[in-house]
């Protein structure tokens, strides 16, 4: 898409308040990280979208409504405790052994995103509902920069969505905090639930910057917390497993490349067998050399 069309699209986003380049002072496009005038790297566009005042105000309104309802149901303390727990939550990417092997075993390679793999021919979309419509959904929530995003889940127990693989890769907060935003749920599910037609702007208040992720979790999940909810239940509330790809979680959007040095921990929930057992042995050995904690359940 050419720059003239980007300019037209920017004008359509009437509620968008532009941020300015730290290098030259010109407005930053909501669709690019780098300044188009001087090339200075700006904040990640998903982060800028999440800290727009309209988004912040709408999320605060949702949070206030959630706390009011918690007071009515005598569960405000539990909701506040849940928020404290989520403020220490981590990012977990779930992978099968092939992609994990490629990520870990070569120090010269960065982990590429789904769309980068697709564009390069490295990966083909699967013939299922999710991959058939994910381009339109991701492009609606994160227009034009979705190809630069890695997708993960917020977790309180170092486990991600089991559907996507048996290897749960935790990412260091220091490696992603400034370029990460958190979204309500899978964009496909979100657009259906809110009846957003592709091309329309999604409602505000359903995304947050990294350091406000607990607010989004409280606003979304208050109805699942009661006066009897125990802290041991928080992890299952934050990430609720489905039978297939319909696990419910707060989706993490990480802008830019990921290197294996960003890995803090790997949890294996289903031990590899056969030939994969030997592949995993090599991966585990490499992870241990890197100082990464490995846990096999």
C-alpha atoms as a PDB file:
ATOM      1  CA  UNK A   1       0.000   0.000   0.000  1.00  0.00           C
ATOM      2  CA  UNK A   2       1.474   3.399  -0.987  1.00  0.00           C
ATOM      3  CA  UNK A   3       2.001   6.338   1.339  1.00  0.00           C
ATOM      4  CA  UNK A   4      -0.772   8.420  -0.256  1.00  0.00           C
ATOM      5  CA  UNK A   5      -3.319   5.792   0.725  1.00  0.00           C
ATOM      6  CA  UNK A   6      -1.899   5.652   4.235  1.00  0.00           C
ATOM      7  CA  UNK A   7      -2.453   9.421   4.522  1.00  0.00           C
ATOM      8  CA  UNK A   8      -6.084   9.000   3.469  1.00  0.00           C
ATOM      9  CA  UNK A   9      -6.591   6.262   6.041  1.00  0.00           C
ATOM     10  CA  UNK A  10      -5.031   8.414   8.758  1.00  0.00           C
ATOM     11  CA  UNK A  11      -7.552  11.165   8.031  1.00  0.00           C
ATOM     12  CA  UNK A  12     -10.370   8.651   8.397  1.00  0.00           C
ATOM     13  CA  UNK A  13      -9.225   7.917  11.947  1.00  0.00           C
ATOM     14  CA  UNK A  14     -10.755  11.096  13.239  1.00  0.00           C
ATOM     15  CA  UNK A  15     -10.421  10.195  16.922  1.00  0.00           C
ATOM     16  CA  UNK A  16      -6.730   9.460  16.589  1.00  0.00           C
ATOM     17  CA  UNK A  17      -4.422  11.970  18.291  1.00  0.00           C
ATOM     18  CA  UNK A  18      -1.046  11.880  16.616  1.00  0.00           C
ATOM     19  CA  UNK A  19       2.188  11.521  18.532  1.00  0.00           C
ATOM     20  CA  UNK A  20       5.282  13.320  17.320  1.00  0.00           C
ATOM     21  CA  UNK A  21       8.762  12.169  16.408  1.00  0.00           C
ATOM     22  CA  UNK A  22      11.412  12.694  19.057  1.00  0.00           C
ATOM     23  CA  UNK A  23      13.934  13.388  16.291  1.00  0.00           C
ATOM     24  CA  UNK A  24      12.306  15.939  13.987  1.00  0.00           C
ATOM     25  CA  UNK A  25       8.981  16.771  15.629  1.00  0.00           C
ATOM     26  CA  UNK A  26       6.803  15.637  12.725  1.00  0.00           C
ATOM     27  CA  UNK A  27       3.683  13.548  13.321  1.00  0.00           C
ATOM     28  CA  UNK A  28       4.147   9.803  13.536  1.00  0.00           C
ATOM     29  CA  UNK A  29       1.894   7.660  11.405  1.00  0.00           C
ATOM     30  CA  UNK A  30      -0.321   5.297  13.427  1.00  0.00           C
ATOM     31  CA  UNK A  31       0.691   2.530  11.013  1.00  0.00           C
ATOM     32  CA  UNK A  32       4.504   2.800  11.188  1.00  0.00           C
ATOM     33  CA  UNK A  33       6.951   2.621  14.060  1.00  0.00           C
ATOM     34  CA  UNK A  34       9.639   4.762  12.440  1.00  0.00           C
ATOM     35  CA  UNK A  35       9.213   8.406  11.496  1.00  0.00           C
ATOM     36  CA  UNK A  36       8.566   8.735   7.753  1.00  0.00           C
ATOM     37  CA  UNK A  37      10.460  12.032   7.683  1.00  0.00           C
ATOM     38  CA  UNK A  38      13.747  11.347   9.471  1.00  0.00           C
ATOM     39  CA  UNK A  39      13.616   7.607  10.161  1.00  0.00           C
ATOM     40  CA  UNK A  40      13.904   7.930  13.936  1.00  0.00           C
ATOM     41  CA  UNK A  41      12.434   4.903  15.679  1.00  0.00           C
ATOM     42  CA  UNK A  42       9.299   5.772  17.580  1.00  0.00           C
ATOM     43  CA  UNK A  43       7.196   3.780  20.045  1.00  0.00           C
ATOM     44  CA  UNK A  44       5.631   0.623  18.640  1.00  0.00           C
ATOM     45  CA  UNK A  45       2.339   1.442  16.874  1.00  0.00           C
ATOM     46  CA  UNK A  46       0.357  -1.100  18.904  1.00  0.00           C
ATOM     47  CA  UNK A  47       1.559   0.625  22.081  1.00  0.00           C
ATOM     48  CA  UNK A  48       0.654   4.058  20.731  1.00  0.00           C
ATOM     49  CA  UNK A  49      -2.804   2.788  19.783  1.00  0.00           C
ATOM     50  CA  UNK A  50      -3.310   1.440  23.304  1.00  0.00           C
ATOM     51  CA  UNK A  51      -2.380   4.697  25.020  1.00  0.00           C
ATOM     52  CA  UNK A  52      -4.658   6.909  22.956  1.00  0.00           C
ATOM     53  CA  UNK A  53      -6.736   8.927  25.422  1.00  0.00           C
ATOM     54  CA  UNK A  54      -9.988   7.518  24.061  1.00  0.00           C
ATOM     55  CA  UNK A  55      -8.742   3.983  24.742  1.00  0.00           C
ATOM     56  CA  UNK A  56      -7.452   4.858  28.222  1.00  0.00           C
ATOM     57  CA  UNK A  57     -10.685   6.612  29.233  1.00  0.00           C
ATOM     58  CA  UNK A  58     -12.883   3.807  27.922  1.00  0.00           C
ATOM     59  CA  UNK A  59     -10.853   1.181  29.774  1.00  0.00           C
ATOM     60  CA  UNK A  60     -11.009   3.203  32.998  1.00  0.00           C
ATOM     61  CA  UNK A  61     -14.805   3.385  32.597  1.00  0.00           C
ATOM     62  CA  UNK A  62     -15.020  -0.381  32.153  1.00  0.00           C
ATOM     63  CA  UNK A  63     -12.810  -0.896  35.198  1.00  0.00           C
ATOM     64  CA  UNK A  64     -14.932   1.447  37.323  1.00  0.00           C
ATOM     65  CA  UNK A  65     -18.072  -0.447  36.286  1.00  0.00           C
ATOM     66  CA  UNK A  66     -16.390  -3.743  37.146  1.00  0.00           C
ATOM     67  CA  UNK A  67     -15.407  -2.522  40.599  1.00  0.00           C
ATOM     68  CA  UNK A  68     -18.906  -1.193  41.213  1.00  0.00           C
ATOM     69  CA  UNK A  69     -20.372  -4.586  40.351  1.00  0.00           C
ATOM     70  CA  UNK A  70     -17.779  -6.284  42.576  1.00  0.00           C
ATOM     71  CA  UNK A  71     -18.882  -4.107  45.477  1.00  0.00           C
ATOM     72  CA  UNK A  72     -22.474  -5.180  44.893  1.00  0.00           C
ATOM     73  CA  UNK A  73     -21.480  -8.851  44.902  1.00  0.00           C
ATOM     74  CA  UNK A  74     -19.127  -8.425  47.895  1.00  0.00           C
ATOM     75  CA  UNK A  75     -16.138  -9.513  45.819  1.00  0.00           C
ATOM     76  CA  UNK A  76     -14.159  -6.283  45.519  1.00  0.00           C
ATOM     77  CA  UNK A  77     -11.281  -7.603  47.616  1.00  0.00           C
ATOM     78  CA  UNK A  78     -11.028 -10.684  45.412  1.00  0.00           C
ATOM     79  CA  UNK A  79     -11.091  -8.515  42.285  1.00  0.00           C
ATOM     80  CA  UNK A  80      -8.359  -6.280  43.689  1.00  0.00           C
ATOM     81  CA  UNK A  81      -6.270  -9.328  44.619  1.00  0.00           C
ATOM     82  CA  UNK A  82      -6.760 -10.648  41.098  1.00  0.00           C
ATOM     83  CA  UNK A  83      -5.485  -7.343  39.703  1.00  0.00           C
ATOM     84  CA  UNK A  84      -2.376  -7.522  41.882  1.00  0.00           C
ATOM     85  CA  UNK A  85      -1.694 -11.046  40.622  1.00  0.00           C
ATOM     86  CA  UNK A  86      -2.153 -10.085  36.976  1.00  0.00           C
ATOM     87  CA  UNK A  87       0.208  -7.120  37.374  1.00  0.00           C
ATOM     88  CA  UNK A  88       2.929  -9.763  37.790  1.00  0.00           C
ATOM     89  CA  UNK A  89       1.691 -11.975  34.936  1.00  0.00           C
ATOM     90  CA  UNK A  90       4.031 -13.148  32.206  1.00  0.00           C
ATOM     91  CA  UNK A  91       3.963 -13.612  28.450  1.00  0.00           C
ATOM     92  CA  UNK A  92       3.765 -17.199  27.240  1.00  0.00           C
ATOM     93  CA  UNK A  93       3.991 -18.353  23.636  1.00  0.00           C
ATOM     94  CA  UNK A  94       2.944 -21.948  22.989  1.00  0.00           C
ATOM     95  CA  UNK A  95       4.781 -23.814  20.233  1.00  0.00           C
ATOM     96  CA  UNK A  96       5.188 -27.241  18.692  1.00  0.00           C
ATOM     97  CA  UNK A  97       8.628 -28.778  18.650  1.00  0.00           C
ATOM     98  CA  UNK A  98       9.540 -27.795  15.061  1.00  0.00           C
ATOM     99  CA  UNK A  99       9.172 -24.026  15.496  1.00  0.00           C
ATOM    100  CA  UNK A 100      10.773 -24.250  18.931  1.00  0.00           C
ATOM    101  CA  UNK A 101      13.781 -26.062  17.487  1.00  0.00           C
ATOM    102  CA  UNK A 102      14.272 -23.340  14.888  1.00  0.00           C
ATOM    103  CA  UNK A 103      13.883 -20.589  17.492  1.00  0.00           C
ATOM    104  CA  UNK A 104      16.315 -22.034  20.008  1.00  0.00           C
ATOM    105  CA  UNK A 105      19.040 -23.792  18.044  1.00  0.00           C
ATOM    106  CA  UNK A 106      20.371 -20.931  15.889  1.00  0.00           C
ATOM    107  CA  UNK A 107      21.684 -17.801  17.578  1.00  0.00           C
ATOM    108  CA  UNK A 108      21.695 -15.948  14.239  1.00  0.00           C
ATOM    109  CA  UNK A 109      17.952 -16.316  13.637  1.00  0.00           C
ATOM    110  CA  UNK A 110      15.146 -14.232  15.084  1.00  0.00           C
ATOM    111  CA  UNK A 111      11.661 -15.627  15.536  1.00  0.00           C
ATOM    112  CA  UNK A 112       9.525 -14.400  12.643  1.00  0.00           C
ATOM    113  CA  UNK A 113       5.822 -13.645  12.914  1.00  0.00           C
ATOM    114  CA  UNK A 114       3.041 -15.717  11.382  1.00  0.00           C
ATOM    115  CA  UNK A 115       2.545 -13.186   8.594  1.00  0.00           C
ATOM    116  CA  UNK A 116       6.255 -12.900   7.844  1.00  0.00           C
ATOM    117  CA  UNK A 117       6.428 -16.688   7.547  1.00  0.00           C
ATOM    118  CA  UNK A 118       3.419 -16.667   5.253  1.00  0.00           C
ATOM    119  CA  UNK A 119       4.772 -13.862   3.059  1.00  0.00           C
ATOM    120  CA  UNK A 120       8.164 -15.552   2.661  1.00  0.00           C
ATOM    121  CA  UNK A 121       6.614 -18.884   1.719  1.00  0.00           C
ATOM    122  CA  UNK A 122       8.021 -20.548   4.818  1.00  0.00           C
ATOM    123  CA  UNK A 123       4.552 -21.329   6.119  1.00  0.00           C
ATOM    124  CA  UNK A 124       1.132 -21.875   4.590  1.00  0.00           C
ATOM    125  CA  UNK A 125      -2.103 -21.054   6.416  1.00  0.00           C
ATOM    126  CA  UNK A 126      -3.981 -24.072   7.691  1.00  0.00           C
ATOM    127  CA  UNK A 127      -7.336 -24.948   6.158  1.00  0.00           C
ATOM    128  CA  UNK A 128      -9.455 -23.929   9.127  1.00  0.00           C
ATOM    129  CA  UNK A 129     -11.754 -21.123  10.157  1.00  0.00           C
ATOM    130  CA  UNK A 130      -9.098 -19.251  12.120  1.00  0.00           C
ATOM    131  CA  UNK A 131      -6.508 -18.983   9.372  1.00  0.00           C
ATOM    132  CA  UNK A 132      -9.110 -18.195   6.706  1.00  0.00           C
ATOM    133  CA  UNK A 133     -10.273 -15.035   8.443  1.00  0.00           C
ATOM    134  CA  UNK A 134      -7.410 -14.033  10.751  1.00  0.00           C
ATOM    135  CA  UNK A 135      -5.866 -11.607   8.247  1.00  0.00           C
ATOM    136  CA  UNK A 136      -9.022  -9.511   8.143  1.00  0.00           C
ATOM    137  CA  UNK A 137      -9.482  -9.674  11.913  1.00  0.00           C
ATOM    138  CA  UNK A 138      -5.876  -8.860  12.825  1.00  0.00           C
ATOM    139  CA  UNK A 139      -5.818  -6.064  10.252  1.00  0.00           C
ATOM    140  CA  UNK A 140      -8.922  -4.499  11.780  1.00  0.00           C
ATOM    141  CA  UNK A 141      -7.510  -4.446  15.310  1.00  0.00           C
ATOM    142  CA  UNK A 142      -3.917  -3.579  14.337  1.00  0.00           C
ATOM    143  CA  UNK A 143      -4.187  -2.061  10.853  1.00  0.00           C
ATOM    144  CA  UNK A 144      -1.180  -2.504   8.547  1.00  0.00           C
ATOM    145  CA  UNK A 145       1.334  -3.282  11.292  1.00  0.00           C
ATOM    146  CA  UNK A 146      -0.204  -6.629  12.290  1.00  0.00           C
ATOM    147  CA  UNK A 147       2.431  -8.381  10.175  1.00  0.00           C
ATOM    148  CA  UNK A 148       5.075  -7.197  12.666  1.00  0.00           C
ATOM    149  CA  UNK A 149       3.299  -8.643  15.702  1.00  0.00           C
ATOM    150  CA  UNK A 150       3.951 -11.818  17.635  1.00  0.00           C
ATOM    151  CA  UNK A 151       0.920 -13.210  19.445  1.00  0.00           C
ATOM    152  CA  UNK A 152       1.016 -14.743  22.912  1.00  0.00           C
ATOM    153  CA  UNK A 153      -1.068 -15.060  26.067  1.00  0.00           C
ATOM    154  CA  UNK A 154      -0.961 -13.593  29.555  1.00  0.00           C
ATOM    155  CA  UNK A 155      -0.294 -16.282  32.128  1.00  0.00           C
ATOM    156  CA  UNK A 156      -0.021 -16.691  35.893  1.00  0.00           C
ATOM    157  CA  UNK A 157       1.321 -20.243  35.849  1.00  0.00           C
ATOM    158  CA  UNK A 158       3.830 -20.266  32.952  1.00  0.00           C
ATOM    159  CA  UNK A 159       1.336 -22.102  30.732  1.00  0.00           C
ATOM    160  CA  UNK A 160      -0.225 -20.829  27.516  1.00  0.00           C
ATOM    161  CA  UNK A 161      -3.058 -22.213  25.417  1.00  0.00           C
ATOM    162  CA  UNK A 162      -2.496 -25.969  25.138  1.00  0.00           C
ATOM    163  CA  UNK A 163      -4.111 -26.170  21.688  1.00  0.00           C
ATOM    164  CA  UNK A 164      -1.111 -24.530  20.028  1.00  0.00           C
ATOM    165  CA  UNK A 165       1.528 -26.933  21.284  1.00  0.00           C
ATOM    166  CA  UNK A 166       3.121 -28.699  24.225  1.00  0.00           C
ATOM    167  CA  UNK A 167       6.020 -26.261  24.672  1.00  0.00           C
ATOM    168  CA  UNK A 168       5.177 -23.151  26.684  1.00  0.00           C
ATOM    169  CA  UNK A 169       7.805 -20.460  26.188  1.00  0.00           C
ATOM    170  CA  UNK A 170       7.925 -17.625  28.720  1.00  0.00           C
ATOM    171  CA  UNK A 171       9.399 -14.346  27.484  1.00  0.00           C
ATOM    172  CA  UNK A 172      11.408 -11.976  29.680  1.00  0.00           C
ATOM    173  CA  UNK A 173       9.500  -8.836  30.609  1.00  0.00           C
ATOM    174  CA  UNK A 174      12.613  -6.733  30.030  1.00  0.00           C
ATOM    175  CA  UNK A 175      12.706  -7.906  26.403  1.00  0.00           C
ATOM    176  CA  UNK A 176       9.160  -6.904  25.468  1.00  0.00           C
ATOM    177  CA  UNK A 177       7.575  -4.467  27.954  1.00  0.00           C
ATOM    178  CA  UNK A 178       8.088  -1.275  25.931  1.00  0.00           C
ATOM    179  CA  UNK A 179       6.785  -2.754  22.661  1.00  0.00           C
ATOM    180  CA  UNK A 180       3.919  -4.866  23.949  1.00  0.00           C
ATOM    181  CA  UNK A 181       0.197  -4.262  24.239  1.00  0.00           C
ATOM    182  CA  UNK A 182      -2.555  -6.506  25.558  1.00  0.00           C
ATOM    183  CA  UNK A 183      -5.896  -7.091  23.856  1.00  0.00           C
ATOM    184  CA  UNK A 184      -9.197  -8.392  25.246  1.00  0.00           C
ATOM    185  CA  UNK A 185      -9.156 -11.714  23.385  1.00  0.00           C
ATOM    186  CA  UNK A 186      -8.582 -13.300  20.007  1.00  0.00           C
ATOM    187  CA  UNK A 187      -9.506 -10.582  17.462  1.00  0.00           C
ATOM    188  CA  UNK A 188     -11.681 -13.023  15.482  1.00  0.00           C
ATOM    189  CA  UNK A 189     -13.775 -13.756  18.560  1.00  0.00           C
ATOM    190  CA  UNK A 190     -13.841 -10.087  19.525  1.00  0.00           C
ATOM    191  CA  UNK A 191     -15.100  -8.823  16.163  1.00  0.00           C
ATOM    192  CA  UNK A 192     -17.863 -11.423  16.092  1.00  0.00           C
ATOM    193  CA  UNK A 193     -18.911 -10.677  19.656  1.00  0.00           C
ATOM    194  CA  UNK A 194     -19.060  -6.917  19.065  1.00  0.00           C
ATOM    195  CA  UNK A 195     -20.490  -7.209  15.544  1.00  0.00           C
ATOM    196  CA  UNK A 196     -17.662  -5.177  14.032  1.00  0.00           C
ATOM    197  CA  UNK A 197     -17.602  -5.294  10.249  1.00  0.00           C
ATOM    198  CA  UNK A 198     -14.159  -5.422   8.695  1.00  0.00           C
ATOM    199  CA  UNK A 199     -13.187  -1.853   7.824  1.00  0.00           C
ATOM    200  CA  UNK A 200     -14.986  -0.336  10.804  1.00  0.00           C
ATOM    201  CA  UNK A 201     -13.172   0.936  13.873  1.00  0.00           C
ATOM    202  CA  UNK A 202     -13.399  -1.435  16.859  1.00  0.00           C
ATOM    203  CA  UNK A 203     -14.846  -0.071  20.114  1.00  0.00           C
ATOM    204  CA  UNK A 204     -12.421   1.551  22.533  1.00  0.00           C
ATOM    205  CA  UNK A 205     -11.479   0.252  25.964  1.00  0.00           C
ATOM    206  CA  UNK A 206     -10.444  -3.286  25.065  1.00  0.00           C
ATOM    207  CA  UNK A 207      -6.685  -2.867  24.831  1.00  0.00           C
ATOM    208  CA  UNK A 208      -3.984  -1.730  27.232  1.00  0.00           C
ATOM    209  CA  UNK A 209      -0.290  -0.978  27.432  1.00  0.00           C
ATOM    210  CA  UNK A 210       1.797  -3.569  29.233  1.00  0.00           C
ATOM    211  CA  UNK A 211       1.830  -1.804  32.585  1.00  0.00           C
ATOM    212  CA  UNK A 212      -1.977  -1.555  32.605  1.00  0.00           C
ATOM    213  CA  UNK A 213      -2.685  -5.191  31.776  1.00  0.00           C
ATOM    214  CA  UNK A 214      -4.246  -5.833  35.186  1.00  0.00           C
ATOM    215  CA  UNK A 215      -6.897  -3.185  34.478  1.00  0.00           C
ATOM    216  CA  UNK A 216      -7.937  -4.932  31.292  1.00  0.00           C
ATOM    217  CA  UNK A 217      -8.035  -8.291  33.073  1.00  0.00           C
ATOM    218  CA  UNK A 218     -10.200  -6.926  35.882  1.00  0.00           C
ATOM    219  CA  UNK A 219     -12.578  -5.204  33.458  1.00  0.00           C
ATOM    220  CA  UNK A 220     -12.975  -8.334  31.360  1.00  0.00           C
ATOM    221  CA  UNK A 221     -13.099 -11.027  34.028  1.00  0.00           C
ATOM    222  CA  UNK A 222     -14.899  -9.444  36.988  1.00  0.00           C
ATOM    223  CA  UNK A 223     -18.002 -11.565  36.365  1.00  0.00           C
ATOM    224  CA  UNK A 224     -15.970 -14.748  36.950  1.00  0.00           C
ATOM    225  CA  UNK A 225     -14.780 -13.629  40.378  1.00  0.00           C
ATOM    226  CA  UNK A 226     -16.956 -14.131  43.436  1.00  0.00           C
ATOM    227  CA  UNK A 227     -16.601 -13.557  47.150  1.00  0.00           C
ATOM    228  CA  UNK A 228     -15.456 -17.158  47.407  1.00  0.00           C
ATOM    229  CA  UNK A 229     -12.791 -17.037  44.707  1.00  0.00           C
ATOM    230  CA  UNK A 230      -9.399 -18.191  45.963  1.00  0.00           C
ATOM    231  CA  UNK A 231      -6.057 -16.971  44.663  1.00  0.00           C
ATOM    232  CA  UNK A 232      -5.285 -20.493  43.442  1.00  0.00           C
ATOM    233  CA  UNK A 233      -8.111 -20.065  40.924  1.00  0.00           C
ATOM    234  CA  UNK A 234      -6.718 -16.884  39.346  1.00  0.00           C
ATOM    235  CA  UNK A 235      -4.610 -18.634  36.694  1.00  0.00           C
ATOM    236  CA  UNK A 236      -7.610 -20.561  35.381  1.00  0.00           C
ATOM    237  CA  UNK A 237      -9.678 -17.387  35.278  1.00  0.00           C
ATOM    238  CA  UNK A 238      -7.039 -15.460  33.357  1.00  0.00           C
ATOM    239  CA  UNK A 239      -6.579 -18.253  30.811  1.00  0.00           C
ATOM    240  CA  UNK A 240      -9.499 -20.614  30.369  1.00  0.00           C
ATOM    241  CA  UNK A 241      -8.762 -23.599  28.158  1.00  0.00           C
ATOM    242  CA  UNK A 242     -11.221 -24.581  25.436  1.00  0.00           C
ATOM    243  CA  UNK A 243     -11.614 -27.912  23.703  1.00  0.00           C
ATOM    244  CA  UNK A 244      -9.951 -26.756  20.477  1.00  0.00           C
ATOM    245  CA  UNK A 245      -8.749 -23.310  19.452  1.00  0.00           C
ATOM    246  CA  UNK A 246     -11.363 -21.503  21.536  1.00  0.00           C
ATOM    247  CA  UNK A 247      -9.325 -20.960  24.684  1.00  0.00           C
ATOM    248  CA  UNK A 248     -10.184 -17.645  26.305  1.00  0.00           C
ATOM    249  CA  UNK A 249      -7.219 -15.467  27.235  1.00  0.00           C
ATOM    250  CA  UNK A 250      -5.904 -11.932  27.065  1.00  0.00           C
ATOM    251  CA  UNK A 251      -3.917 -11.806  23.858  1.00  0.00           C
ATOM    252  CA  UNK A 252      -0.472 -10.242  23.989  1.00  0.00           C
ATOM    253  CA  UNK A 253       0.809  -8.347  20.936  1.00  0.00           C
ATOM    254  CA  UNK A 254       4.597  -7.964  20.720  1.00  0.00           C
ATOM    255  CA  UNK A 255       5.982  -5.685  18.016  1.00  0.00           C
ATOM    256  CA  UNK A 256       9.216  -6.577  16.273  1.00  0.00           C
ATOM    257  CA  UNK A 257      11.691  -9.468  16.254  1.00  0.00           C
ATOM    258  CA  UNK A 258      12.235 -11.914  19.093  1.00  0.00           C
ATOM    259  CA  UNK A 259      15.608 -13.522  19.771  1.00  0.00           C
ATOM    260  CA  UNK A 260      16.197 -16.659  21.792  1.00  0.00           C
ATOM    261  CA  UNK A 261      17.928 -14.562  24.442  1.00  0.00           C
ATOM    262  CA  UNK A 262      14.446 -13.274  25.351  1.00  0.00           C
ATOM    263  CA  UNK A 263      13.375 -16.714  26.622  1.00  0.00           C
ATOM    264  CA  UNK A 264      13.188 -17.050  30.414  1.00  0.00           C
ATOM    265  CA  UNK A 265      11.551 -20.459  30.839  1.00  0.00           C
ATOM    266  CA  UNK A 266      10.156 -23.395  28.868  1.00  0.00           C
ATOM    267  CA  UNK A 267       7.511 -25.727  30.288  1.00  0.00           C
ATOM    268  CA  UNK A 268       6.740 -29.025  28.537  1.00  0.00           C
ATOM    269  CA  UNK A 269       3.268 -30.443  29.140  1.00  0.00           C
ATOM    270  CA  UNK A 270       3.483 -33.484  26.869  1.00  0.00           C
ATOM    271  CA  UNK A 271       6.878 -35.178  26.671  1.00  0.00           C
ATOM    272  CA  UNK A 272       8.019 -35.835  23.075  1.00  0.00           C
ATOM    273  CA  UNK A 273       8.208 -39.408  21.856  1.00  0.00           C
ATOM    274  CA  UNK A 274       9.984 -41.177  19.029  1.00  0.00           C
ATOM    275  CA  UNK A 275      12.268 -39.039  16.860  1.00  0.00           C
ATOM    276  CA  UNK A 276      11.014 -35.873  18.535  1.00  0.00           C
ATOM    277  CA  UNK A 277      12.473 -37.116  21.811  1.00  0.00           C
ATOM    278  CA  UNK A 278      15.986 -36.731  20.380  1.00  0.00           C
ATOM    279  CA  UNK A 279      15.185 -33.273  18.983  1.00  0.00           C
ATOM    280  CA  UNK A 280      13.923 -32.191  22.382  1.00  0.00           C
ATOM    281  CA  UNK A 281      17.066 -33.510  24.083  1.00  0.00           C
ATOM    282  CA  UNK A 282      19.174 -31.177  21.911  1.00  0.00           C
ATOM    283  CA  UNK A 283      16.839 -28.242  22.499  1.00  0.00           C
ATOM    284  CA  UNK A 284      16.864 -28.788  26.247  1.00  0.00           C
ATOM    285  CA  UNK A 285      20.634 -28.948  26.293  1.00  0.00           C
ATOM    286  CA  UNK A 286      20.858 -25.667  24.356  1.00  0.00           C
ATOM    287  CA  UNK A 287      18.327 -23.986  26.649  1.00  0.00           C
ATOM    288  CA  UNK A 288      20.324 -25.025  29.685  1.00  0.00           C
ATOM    289  CA  UNK A 289      23.467 -23.543  28.123  1.00  0.00           C
ATOM    290  CA  UNK A 290      21.540 -20.278  27.738  1.00  0.00           C
ATOM    291  CA  UNK A 291      20.537 -20.344  31.390  1.00  0.00           C
ATOM    292  CA  UNK A 292      16.852 -20.922  30.586  1.00  0.00           C
ATOM    293  CA  UNK A 293      14.805 -22.769  33.186  1.00  0.00           C
ATOM    294  CA  UNK A 294      13.245 -25.963  31.816  1.00  0.00           C
ATOM    295  CA  UNK A 295      10.340 -27.762  33.480  1.00  0.00           C
ATOM    296  CA  UNK A 296       8.759 -30.998  32.297  1.00  0.00           C
ATOM    297  CA  UNK A 297       5.311 -31.746  33.703  1.00  0.00           C
END
